[in-house]
């Protein structure tokens, strides 16, 4: 499986959130500031390597407290 993060709301989420393409582990690349953004909304897609490739996705809501 390979994992990708898409559809960031707000788009600045791409700069502070990363997803490991092999494991799907979600990590922060930078500091979060509640006063700037209190919620991130994005999707993670898992895709297999079959033919045709199959995929599934989930919605992730990250609340900054």
Protein backbone atom coordinates (compact mmCIF):
# COMPACT_ATOMS: atom_id res chain seq x y z
CA UNK A 1 0.00 0.00 0.00
CA UNK A 2 0.98 3.61 -0.51
CA UNK A 3 -0.49 6.50 1.45
CA UNK A 4 -1.01 10.12 0.41
CA UNK A 5 -2.58 13.13 2.09
CA UNK A 6 -4.87 15.34 0.01
CA UNK A 7 -7.55 18.04 0.20
CA UNK A 8 -6.05 20.10 3.02
CA UNK A 9 -8.32 22.70 4.60
CA UNK A 10 -6.76 25.16 5.14
CA UNK A 11 -4.14 24.62 2.38
CA UNK A 12 -1.37 25.67 4.81
CA UNK A 13 -1.75 22.19 6.37
CA UNK A 14 0.57 20.86 3.65
CA UNK A 15 3.39 22.85 5.24
CA UNK A 16 3.04 21.38 8.75
CA UNK A 17 1.56 17.87 8.29
CA UNK A 18 3.17 14.94 6.50
CA UNK A 19 2.15 11.33 5.89
CA UNK A 20 4.70 8.55 5.50
CA UNK A 21 3.91 6.97 2.10
CA UNK A 22 4.90 3.45 3.28
CA UNK A 23 3.28 3.33 6.75
CA UNK A 24 0.58 6.02 6.70
CA UNK A 25 2.02 7.55 9.88
CA UNK A 26 0.94 11.17 10.34
CA UNK A 27 3.66 13.53 11.63
CA UNK A 28 4.07 17.23 12.21
CA UNK A 29 6.76 19.05 10.22
CA UNK A 30 6.43 22.27 12.19
CA UNK A 31 4.85 23.89 15.20
CA UNK A 32 1.10 24.42 15.40
CA UNK A 33 -0.39 27.64 16.77
CA UNK A 34 -3.99 27.58 17.99
CA UNK A 35 -4.30 31.31 17.42
CA UNK A 36 -3.45 30.90 13.71
CA UNK A 37 -5.38 27.70 12.88
CA UNK A 38 -7.42 25.68 15.36
CA UNK A 39 -8.52 22.87 13.01
CA UNK A 40 -7.03 21.00 10.06
CA UNK A 41 -9.18 18.83 7.80
CA UNK A 42 -7.61 16.49 5.23
CA UNK A 43 -7.98 13.09 3.61
CA UNK A 44 -5.62 10.15 3.55
CA UNK A 45 -5.82 7.78 0.61
CA UNK A 46 -4.44 4.22 0.70
CA UNK A 47 -3.79 2.64 -2.71
CA UNK A 48 -2.62 -0.89 -3.43
CA UNK A 49 -0.23 -1.93 -6.18
CA UNK A 50 -2.58 -4.35 -7.94
CA UNK A 51 -3.98 -4.02 -11.42
CA UNK A 52 -6.25 -2.21 -11.51
CA UNK A 53 -5.17 -0.43 -8.33
CA UNK A 54 -7.80 -0.23 -5.59
CA UNK A 55 -7.98 2.60 -3.09
CA UNK A 56 -9.74 3.68 0.06
CA UNK A 57 -9.72 6.94 1.95
CA UNK A 58 -10.54 8.45 5.31
CA UNK A 59 -11.11 11.94 6.60
CA UNK A 60 -8.83 13.25 9.35
CA UNK A 61 -9.76 16.15 11.62
CA UNK A 62 -6.88 17.49 13.67
CA UNK A 63 -7.91 19.91 16.40
CA UNK A 64 -5.23 22.16 17.88
CA UNK A 65 -5.91 22.73 21.59
